[in-house]
Amino acid sequence: QPSNPVQLLLRFTDIDGLKALEFASGNGDNAFALYEAGCH
């Protein structure tokens, strides 16, 4: 269950293959959502 800003990023952009860094990842949901969209 990613945050609303992450949901918006995924809705409007193709991030497959991009490199992402998350500060203070907490429960990891945002990081896993980016991973499932194809990010490193």
All heavy atoms as atom14 arrays in JSON, in Angstrom:
{
  "sequence": "QPSNPVQLLLRFTDIDGLKALEFASGNGDNAFALYEAGCH",
  "atom14_mask": [
    [1, 1, 1, 1, 1, 1, 1, 1, 1, 0, 0, 0, 0, 0],
    [1, 1, 1, 1, 1, 1, 1, 0, 0, 0, 0, 0, 0, 0],
    [1, 1, 1, 1, 1, 1, 0, 0, 0, 0, 0, 0, 0, 0],
    [1, 1, 1, 1, 1, 1, 1, 1, 0, 0, 0, 0, 0, 0],
    [1, 1, 1, 1, 1, 1, 1, 0, 0, 0, 0, 0, 0, 0],
    [1, 1, 1, 1, 1, 1, 1, 0, 0, 0, 0, 0, 0, 0],
    [1, 1, 1, 1, 1, 1, 1, 1, 1, 0, 0, 0, 0, 0],
    [1, 1, 1, 1, 1, 1, 1, 1, 0, 0, 0, 0, 0, 0],
    [1, 1, 1, 1, 1, 1, 1, 1, 0, 0, 0, 0, 0, 0],
    [1, 1, 1, 1, 1, 1, 1, 1, 0, 0, 0, 0, 0, 0],
    [1, 1, 1, 1, 1, 1, 1, 1, 1, 1, 1, 0, 0, 0],
    [1, 1, 1, 1, 1, 1, 1, 1, 1, 1, 1, 0, 0, 0],
    [1, 1, 1, 1, 1, 1, 1, 0, 0, 0, 0, 0, 0, 0],
    [1, 1, 1, 1, 1, 1, 1, 1, 0, 0, 0, 0, 0, 0],
    [1, 1, 1, 1, 1, 1, 1, 1, 0, 0, 0, 0, 0, 0],
    [1, 1, 1, 1, 1, 1, 1, 1, 0, 0, 0, 0, 0, 0],
    [1, 1, 1, 1, 0, 0, 0, 0, 0, 0, 0, 0, 0, 0],
    [1, 1, 1, 1, 1, 1, 1, 1, 0, 0, 0, 0, 0, 0],
    [1, 1, 1, 1, 1, 1, 1, 1, 1, 0, 0, 0, 0, 0],
    [1, 1, 1, 1, 1, 0, 0, 0, 0, 0, 0, 0, 0, 0],
    [1, 1, 1, 1, 1, 1, 1, 1, 0, 0, 0, 0, 0, 0],
    [1, 1, 1, 1, 1, 1, 1, 1, 1, 0, 0, 0, 0, 0],
    [1, 1, 1, 1, 1, 1, 1, 1, 1, 1, 1, 0, 0, 0],
    [1, 1, 1, 1, 1, 0, 0, 0, 0, 0, 0, 0, 0, 0],
    [1, 1, 1, 1, 1, 1, 0, 0, 0, 0, 0, 0, 0, 0],
    [1, 1, 1, 1, 0, 0, 0, 0, 0, 0, 0, 0, 0, 0],
    [1, 1, 1, 1, 1, 1, 1, 1, 0, 0, 0, 0, 0, 0],
    [1, 1, 1, 1, 0, 0, 0, 0, 0, 0, 0, 0, 0, 0],
    [1, 1, 1, 1, 1, 1, 1, 1, 0, 0, 0, 0, 0, 0],
    [1, 1, 1, 1, 1, 1, 1, 1, 0, 0, 0, 0, 0, 0],
    [1, 1, 1, 1, 1, 0, 0, 0, 0, 0, 0, 0, 0, 0],
    [1, 1, 1, 1, 1, 1, 1, 1, 1, 1, 1, 0, 0, 0],
    [1, 1, 1, 1, 1, 0, 0, 0, 0, 0, 0, 0, 0, 0],
    [1, 1, 1, 1, 1, 1, 1, 1, 0, 0, 0, 0, 0, 0],
    [1, 1, 1, 1, 1, 1, 1, 1, 1, 1, 1, 1, 0, 0],
    [1, 1, 1, 1, 1, 1, 1, 1, 1, 0, 0, 0, 0, 0],
    [1, 1, 1, 1, 1, 0, 0, 0, 0, 0, 0, 0, 0, 0],
    [1, 1, 1, 1, 0, 0, 0, 0, 0, 0, 0, 0, 0, 0],
    [1, 1, 1, 1, 1, 1, 0, 0, 0, 0, 0, 0, 0, 0],
    [1, 1, 1, 1, 1, 1, 1, 1, 1, 1, 0, 0, 0, 0]
  ],
  "atom14_positions": [
    [[0.85, -1.2, 0.0], [0.0, 0.0, 0.0], [0.88, 1.25, 0.0], [1.16, 1.83, 1.06], [-0.92, -0.02, 1.21], [-1.85, -1.22, 1.24], [-2.72, -1.26, 2.48], [-2.65, -0.4, 3.34], [-3.56, -2.27, 2.57], [0.0, 0.0, 0.0], [0.0, 0.0, 0.0], [0.0, 0.0, 0.0], [0.0, 0.0, 0.0], [0.0, 0.0, 0.0]],
    [[1.35, 1.68, -1.17], [2.22, 2.85, -1.24], [1.49, 4.14, -0.92], [0.26, 4.22, -0.99], [2.72, 2.83, -2.69], [1.61, 2.15, -3.44], [1.08, 1.1, -2.51], [0.0, 0.0, 0.0], [0.0, 0.0, 0.0], [0.0, 0.0, 0.0], [0.0, 0.0, 0.0], [0.0, 0.0, 0.0], [0.0, 0.0, 0.0], [0.0, 0.0, 0.0]],
    [[2.25, 5.17, -0.6], [1.68, 6.48, -0.3], [1.05, 7.09, -1.54], [1.35, 6.69, -2.68], [2.77, 7.41, 0.22], [3.72, 7.67, -0.81], [0.0, 0.0, 0.0], [0.0, 0.0, 0.0], [0.0, 0.0, 0.0], [0.0, 0.0, 0.0], [0.0, 0.0, 0.0], [0.0, 0.0, 0.0], [0.0, 0.0, 0.0], [0.0, 0.0, 0.0]],
    [[0.19, 8.07, -1.35], [-0.46, 8.73, -2.48], [0.53, 9.33, -3.47], [0.34, 9.2, -4.69], [-1.44, 9.8, -1.98], [-2.69, 9.2, -1.39], [-3.07, 8.07, -1.71], [-3.36, 9.93, -0.51], [0.0, 0.0, 0.0], [0.0, 0.0, 0.0], [0.0, 0.0, 0.0], [0.0, 0.0, 0.0], [0.0, 0.0, 0.0], [0.0, 0.0, 0.0]],
    [[1.6, 10.03, -3.02], [2.55, 10.54, -4.01], [3.19, 9.45, -4.86], [3.4, 9.64, -6.07], [3.6, 11.26, -3.13], [2.83, 11.68, -1.93], [1.89, 10.54, -1.67], [0.0, 0.0, 0.0], [0.0, 0.0, 0.0], [0.0, 0.0, 0.0], [0.0, 0.0, 0.0], [0.0, 0.0, 0.0], [0.0, 0.0, 0.0], [0.0, 0.0, 0.0]],
    [[3.5, 8.31, -4.27], [4.07, 7.2, -5.04], [3.04, 6.67, -6.03], [3.37, 6.37, -7.19], [4.57, 6.08, -4.11], [4.96, 4.84, -4.91], [5.77, 6.57, -3.31], [0.0, 0.0, 0.0], [0.0, 0.0, 0.0], [0.0, 0.0, 0.0], [0.0, 0.0, 0.0], [0.0, 0.0, 0.0], [0.0, 0.0, 0.0], [0.0, 0.0, 0.0]],
    [[1.8, 6.57, -5.61], [0.75, 6.13, -6.53], [0.64, 7.06, -7.73], [0.46, 6.62, -8.87], [-0.59, 6.05, -5.8], [-0.66, 4.94, -4.76], [-2.01, 4.89, -4.08], [-3.06, 5.01, -4.72], [-2.0, 4.72, -2.76], [0.0, 0.0, 0.0], [0.0, 0.0, 0.0], [0.0, 0.0, 0.0], [0.0, 0.0, 0.0], [0.0, 0.0, 0.0]],
    [[0.77, 8.37, -7.5], [0.7, 9.34, -8.59], [1.9, 9.18, -9.53], [1.75, 9.25, -10.75], [0.66, 10.76, -8.04], [-0.67, 11.17, -7.39], [-0.51, 12.48, -6.64], [-1.76, 11.29, -8.45], [0.0, 0.0, 0.0], [0.0, 0.0, 0.0], [0.0, 0.0, 0.0], [0.0, 0.0, 0.0], [0.0, 0.0, 0.0], [0.0, 0.0, 0.0]],
    [[3.08, 8.99, -8.97], [4.26, 8.76, -9.8], [4.04, 7.56, -10.7], [4.32, 7.61, -11.91], [5.49, 8.55, -8.92], [6.78, 8.19, -9.64], [7.33, 9.41, -10.37], [7.82, 7.64, -8.67], [0.0, 0.0, 0.0], [0.0, 0.0, 0.0], [0.0, 0.0, 0.0], [0.0, 0.0, 0.0], [0.0, 0.0, 0.0], [0.0, 0.0, 0.0]],
    [[3.54, 6.47, -10.14], [3.34, 5.24, -10.91], [2.25, 5.41, -11.96], [2.31, 4.79, -13.03], [2.99, 4.09, -9.96], [4.05, 3.72, -8.93], [3.54, 2.6, -8.03], [5.35, 3.32, -9.59], [0.0, 0.0, 0.0], [0.0, 0.0, 0.0], [0.0, 0.0, 0.0], [0.0, 0.0, 0.0], [0.0, 0.0, 0.0], [0.0, 0.0, 0.0]],
    [[1.28, 6.25, -11.67], [0.16, 6.45, -12.6], [0.59, 7.23, -13.84], [0.14, 6.95, -14.96], [-0.97, 7.19, -11.9], [-2.23, 7.38, -12.77], [-3.27, 8.19, -12.03], [-3.58, 7.6, -10.73], [-4.28, 8.24, -9.77], [-4.73, 9.47, -9.98], [-4.52, 7.65, -8.62], [0.0, 0.0, 0.0], [0.0, 0.0, 0.0], [0.0, 0.0, 0.0]],
    [[1.48, 8.2, -13.66], [1.77, 9.13, -14.75], [3.13, 8.93, -15.41], [3.43, 9.6, -16.4], [1.68, 10.58, -14.24], [0.28, 11.0, -13.89], [-0.09, 11.18, -12.57], [-0.66, 11.18, -14.88], [-1.39, 11.56, -12.24], [-1.96, 11.57, -14.56], [-2.32, 11.75, -13.24], [0.0, 0.0, 0.0], [0.0, 0.0, 0.0], [0.0, 0.0, 0.0]],
    [[3.96, 8.03, -14.89], [5.29, 7.87, -15.46], [5.65, 6.4, -15.62], [5.16, 5.54, -14.89], [6.36, 8.53, -14.57], [6.39, 7.87, -13.3], [6.06, 10.0, -14.34], [0.0, 0.0, 0.0], [0.0, 0.0, 0.0], [0.0, 0.0, 0.0], [0.0, 0.0, 0.0], [0.0, 0.0, 0.0], [0.0, 0.0, 0.0], [0.0, 0.0, 0.0]],
    [[6.54, 6.13, -16.57], [7.1, 4.79, -16.75], [8.47, 4.8, -16.08], [9.39, 5.46, -16.56], [7.23, 4.47, -18.23], [7.83, 3.09, -18.49], [8.03, 2.34, -17.51], [8.12, 2.78, -19.66], [0.0, 0.0, 0.0], [0.0, 0.0, 0.0], [0.0, 0.0, 0.0], [0.0, 0.0, 0.0], [0.0, 0.0, 0.0], [0.0, 0.0, 0.0]],
    [[8.61, 4.07, -14.99], [9.87, 4.1, -14.24], [10.63, 2.78, -14.36], [11.59, 2.56, -13.63], [9.62, 4.45, -12.76], [8.72, 3.41, -12.09], [9.01, 5.84, -12.64], [8.57, 3.62, -10.59], [0.0, 0.0, 0.0], [0.0, 0.0, 0.0], [0.0, 0.0, 0.0], [0.0, 0.0, 0.0], [0.0, 0.0, 0.0], [0.0, 0.0, 0.0]],
    [[10.21, 1.93, -15.27], [10.88, 0.64, -15.45], [12.37, 0.85, -15.75], [12.74, 1.63, -16.63], [10.22, -0.12, -16.61], [10.79, -1.52, -16.78], [11.17, -2.13, -15.77], [10.87, -1.98, -17.93], [0.0, 0.0, 0.0], [0.0, 0.0, 0.0], [0.0, 0.0, 0.0], [0.0, 0.0, 0.0], [0.0, 0.0, 0.0], [0.0, 0.0, 0.0]],
    [[13.22, 0.19, -14.97], [14.65, 0.26, -15.19], [15.36, 1.4, -14.5], [16.6, 1.47, -14.53], [0.0, 0.0, 0.0], [0.0, 0.0, 0.0], [0.0, 0.0, 0.0], [0.0, 0.0, 0.0], [0.0, 0.0, 0.0], [0.0, 0.0, 0.0], [0.0, 0.0, 0.0], [0.0, 0.0, 0.0], [0.0, 0.0, 0.0], [0.0, 0.0, 0.0]],
    [[14.63, 2.31, -13.87], [15.26, 3.45, -13.2], [15.8, 3.05, -11.83], [15.38, 2.06, -11.24], [14.25, 4.6, -13.05], [13.66, 5.17, -14.34], [12.8, 6.4, -14.02], [14.75, 5.53, -15.34], [0.0, 0.0, 0.0], [0.0, 0.0, 0.0], [0.0, 0.0, 0.0], [0.0, 0.0, 0.0], [0.0, 0.0, 0.0], [0.0, 0.0, 0.0]],
    [[16.72, 3.85, -11.32], [17.29, 3.62, -9.99], [16.62, 4.56, -8.99], [16.53, 5.76, -9.22], [18.79, 3.89, -9.99], [19.61, 2.85, -10.72], [21.1, 3.14, -10.57], [21.56, 3.0, -9.13], [23.02, 3.22, -8.99], [0.0, 0.0, 0.0], [0.0, 0.0, 0.0], [0.0, 0.0, 0.0], [0.0, 0.0, 0.0], [0.0, 0.0, 0.0]],
    [[16.14, 3.97, -7.88], [15.4, 4.73, -6.88], [16.04, 4.56, -5.5], [16.52, 3.48, -5.15], [13.94, 4.28, -6.84], [0.0, 0.0, 0.0], [0.0, 0.0, 0.0], [0.0, 0.0, 0.0], [0.0, 0.0, 0.0], [0.0, 0.0, 0.0], [0.0, 0.0, 0.0], [0.0, 0.0, 0.0], [0.0, 0.0, 0.0], [0.0, 0.0, 0.0]],
    [[16.0, 5.64, -4.73], [16.48, 5.64, -3.35], [15.37, 6.14, -2.46], [14.78, 7.2, -2.73], [17.7, 6.55, -3.22], [18.19, 6.85, -1.79], [18.7, 5.58, -1.11], [19.29, 7.93, -1.82], [0.0, 0.0, 0.0], [0.0, 0.0, 0.0], [0.0, 0.0, 0.0], [0.0, 0.0, 0.0], [0.0, 0.0, 0.0], [0.0, 0.0, 0.0]],
    [[15.06, 5.39, -1.39], [14.07, 5.87, -0.42], [14.74, 6.1, 0.93], [15.36, 5.2, 1.49], [12.91, 4.9, -0.25], [11.88, 5.47, 0.72], [10.68, 4.6, 0.99], [10.77, 3.37, 0.82], [9.64, 5.16, 1.4], [0.0, 0.0, 0.0], [0.0, 0.0, 0.0], [0.0, 0.0, 0.0], [0.0, 0.0, 0.0], [0.0, 0.0, 0.0]],
    [[14.56, 7.31, 1.45], [14.99, 7.63, 2.81], [13.98, 7.09, 3.8], [12.77, 7.18, 3.58], [15.07, 9.16, 2.98], [16.32, 9.79, 2.43], [16.66, 9.67, 1.09], [17.15, 10.54, 3.25], [17.8, 10.27, 0.58], [18.29, 11.14, 2.76], [18.63, 11.01, 1.42], [0.0, 0.0, 0.0], [0.0, 0.0, 0.0], [0.0, 0.0, 0.0]],
    [[14.46, 6.58, 4.94], [13.6, 6.17, 6.05], [12.42, 5.34, 5.55], [11.26, 5.75, 5.61], [13.12, 7.38, 6.83], [0.0, 0.0, 0.0], [0.0, 0.0, 0.0], [0.0, 0.0, 0.0], [0.0, 0.0, 0.0], [0.0, 0.0, 0.0], [0.0, 0.0, 0.0], [0.0, 0.0, 0.0], [0.0, 0.0, 0.0], [0.0, 0.0, 0.0]],
    [[12.71, 4.13, 5.08], [11.74, 3.32, 4.33], [10.6, 2.75, 5.16], [9.63, 2.26, 4.6], [12.47, 2.17, 3.62], [13.41, 2.66, 2.7], [0.0, 0.0, 0.0], [0.0, 0.0, 0.0], [0.0, 0.0, 0.0], [0.0, 0.0, 0.0], [0.0, 0.0, 0.0], [0.0, 0.0, 0.0], [0.0, 0.0, 0.0], [0.0, 0.0, 0.0]],
    [[10.7, 2.75, 6.49], [9.58, 2.32, 7.32], [9.19, 0.88, 7.08], [10.0, -0.04, 7.21], [0.0, 0.0, 0.0], [0.0, 0.0, 0.0], [0.0, 0.0, 0.0], [0.0, 0.0, 0.0], [0.0, 0.0, 0.0], [0.0, 0.0, 0.0], [0.0, 0.0, 0.0], [0.0, 0.0, 0.0], [0.0, 0.0, 0.0], [0.0, 0.0, 0.0]],
    [[7.92, 0.66, 6.69], [7.45, -0.72, 6.46], [7.79, -1.23, 5.06], [7.5, -2.38, 4.73], [5.95, -0.83, 6.72], [5.1, -0.09, 5.71], [5.59, 0.42, 4.71], [3.8, -0.01, 5.98], [0.0, 0.0, 0.0], [0.0, 0.0, 0.0], [0.0, 0.0, 0.0], [0.0, 0.0, 0.0], [0.0, 0.0, 0.0], [0.0, 0.0, 0.0]],
    [[8.39, -0.36, 4.24], [8.87, -0.8, 2.93], [7.87, -0.74, 1.8], [8.23, -1.01, 0.65], [0.0, 0.0, 0.0], [0.0, 0.0, 0.0], [0.0, 0.0, 0.0], [0.0, 0.0, 0.0], [0.0, 0.0, 0.0], [0.0, 0.0, 0.0], [0.0, 0.0, 0.0], [0.0, 0.0, 0.0], [0.0, 0.0, 0.0], [0.0, 0.0, 0.0]],
    [[6.62, -0.36, 2.06], [5.61, -0.43, 1.01], [5.94, 0.45, -0.2], [5.71, 0.05, -1.35], [4.23, -0.05, 1.57], [3.55, -1.23, 2.25], [4.16, -2.31, 2.35], [2.39, -1.07, 2.68], [0.0, 0.0, 0.0], [0.0, 0.0, 0.0], [0.0, 0.0, 0.0], [0.0, 0.0, 0.0], [0.0, 0.0, 0.0], [0.0, 0.0, 0.0]],
    [[6.47, 1.65, 0.04], [6.84, 2.5, -1.1], [7.98, 1.88, -1.9], [7.95, 1.87, -3.14], [7.25, 3.89, -0.61], [6.07, 4.7, -0.13], [4.97, 4.6, -0.66], [6.3, 5.52, 0.89], [0.0, 0.0, 0.0], [0.0, 0.0, 0.0], [0.0, 0.0, 0.0], [0.0, 0.0, 0.0], [0.0, 0.0, 0.0], [0.0, 0.0, 0.0]],
    [[8.97, 1.36, -1.21], [10.1, 0.73, -1.89], [9.67, -0.48, -2.7], [10.1, -0.67, -3.85], [11.17, 0.33, -0.86], [0.0, 0.0, 0.0], [0.0, 0.0, 0.0], [0.0, 0.0, 0.0], [0.0, 0.0, 0.0], [0.0, 0.0, 0.0], [0.0, 0.0, 0.0], [0.0, 0.0, 0.0], [0.0, 0.0, 0.0], [0.0, 0.0, 0.0]],
    [[8.79, -1.3, -2.12], [8.31, -2.49, -2.85], [7.45, -2.1, -4.06], [7.51, -2.75, -5.1], [7.53, -3.41, -1.92], [8.39, -4.11, -0.91], [8.22, -3.91, 0.45], [9.39, -4.99, -1.31], [9.01, -4.55, 1.39], [10.2, -5.64, -0.4], [10.02, -5.42, 0.97], [0.0, 0.0, 0.0], [0.0, 0.0, 0.0], [0.0, 0.0, 0.0]],
    [[6.67, -1.02, -3.93], [5.87, -0.57, -5.07], [6.76, -0.12, -6.22], [6.48, -0.41, -7.39], [4.94, 0.57, -4.63], [0.0, 0.0, 0.0], [0.0, 0.0, 0.0], [0.0, 0.0, 0.0], [0.0, 0.0, 0.0], [0.0, 0.0, 0.0], [0.0, 0.0, 0.0], [0.0, 0.0, 0.0], [0.0, 0.0, 0.0], [0.0, 0.0, 0.0]],
    [[7.85, 0.58, -5.91], [8.78, 1.0, -6.95], [9.47, -0.21, -7.58], [9.66, -0.28, -8.79], [9.81, 1.96, -6.37], [9.28, 3.3, -5.88], [10.4, 4.12, -5.26], [8.6, 4.09, -7.0], [0.0, 0.0, 0.0], [0.0, 0.0, 0.0], [0.0, 0.0, 0.0], [0.0, 0.0, 0.0], [0.0, 0.0, 0.0], [0.0, 0.0, 0.0]],
    [[9.82, -1.18, -6.74], [10.43, -2.42, -7.24], [9.48, -3.13, -8.2], [9.89, -3.55, -9.29], [10.79, -3.33, -6.07], [11.19, -4.72, -6.51], [12.5, -5.0, -6.88], [10.24, -5.75, -6.55], [12.85, -6.28, -7.3], [10.6, -7.02, -6.96], [11.9, -7.28, -7.34], [12.24, -8.55, -7.77], [0.0, 0.0, 0.0], [0.0, 0.0, 0.0]],
    [[8.22, -3.26, -7.81], [7.25, -3.96, -8.65], [7.0, -3.23, -9.97], [6.58, -3.85, -10.95], [5.94, -4.15, -7.88], [6.07, -5.16, -6.74], [4.78, -5.38, -5.99], [3.84, -4.57, -6.15], [4.72, -6.35, -5.2], [0.0, 0.0, 0.0], [0.0, 0.0, 0.0], [0.0, 0.0, 0.0], [0.0, 0.0, 0.0], [0.0, 0.0, 0.0]],
    [[7.29, -1.92, -9.99], [7.15, -1.15, -11.23], [8.41, -1.23, -12.09], [8.47, -0.6, -13.15], [6.85, 0.31, -10.9], [0.0, 0.0, 0.0], [0.0, 0.0, 0.0], [0.0, 0.0, 0.0], [0.0, 0.0, 0.0], [0.0, 0.0, 0.0], [0.0, 0.0, 0.0], [0.0, 0.0, 0.0], [0.0, 0.0, 0.0], [0.0, 0.0, 0.0]],
    [[9.41, -1.99, -11.65], [10.59, -2.23, -12.46], [11.84, -1.5, -12.04], [12.88, -1.6, -12.71], [0.0, 0.0, 0.0], [0.0, 0.0, 0.0], [0.0, 0.0, 0.0], [0.0, 0.0, 0.0], [0.0, 0.0, 0.0], [0.0, 0.0, 0.0], [0.0, 0.0, 0.0], [0.0, 0.0, 0.0], [0.0, 0.0, 0.0], [0.0, 0.0, 0.0]],
    [[11.79, -0.76, -10.92], [12.95, 0.0, -10.47], [14.01, -0.88, -9.8], [13.7, -1.94, -9.27], [12.53, 1.07, -9.46], [11.84, 2.55, -10.18], [0.0, 0.0, 0.0], [0.0, 0.0, 0.0], [0.0, 0.0, 0.0], [0.0, 0.0, 0.0], [0.0, 0.0, 0.0], [0.0, 0.0, 0.0], [0.0, 0.0, 0.0], [0.0, 0.0, 0.0]],
    [[15.22, -0.38, -9.8], [16.29, -0.89, -8.96], [16.25, -0.03, -7.7], [16.48, 1.18, -7.77], [17.64, -0.77, -9.65], [17.75, -1.58, -10.9], [18.45, -2.77, -10.96], [17.21, -1.4, -12.13], [18.36, -3.27, -12.18], [17.63, -2.46, -12.91], [0.0, 0.0, 0.0], [0.0, 0.0, 0.0], [0.0, 0.0, 0.0], [0.0, 0.0, 0.0]]
  ]
}
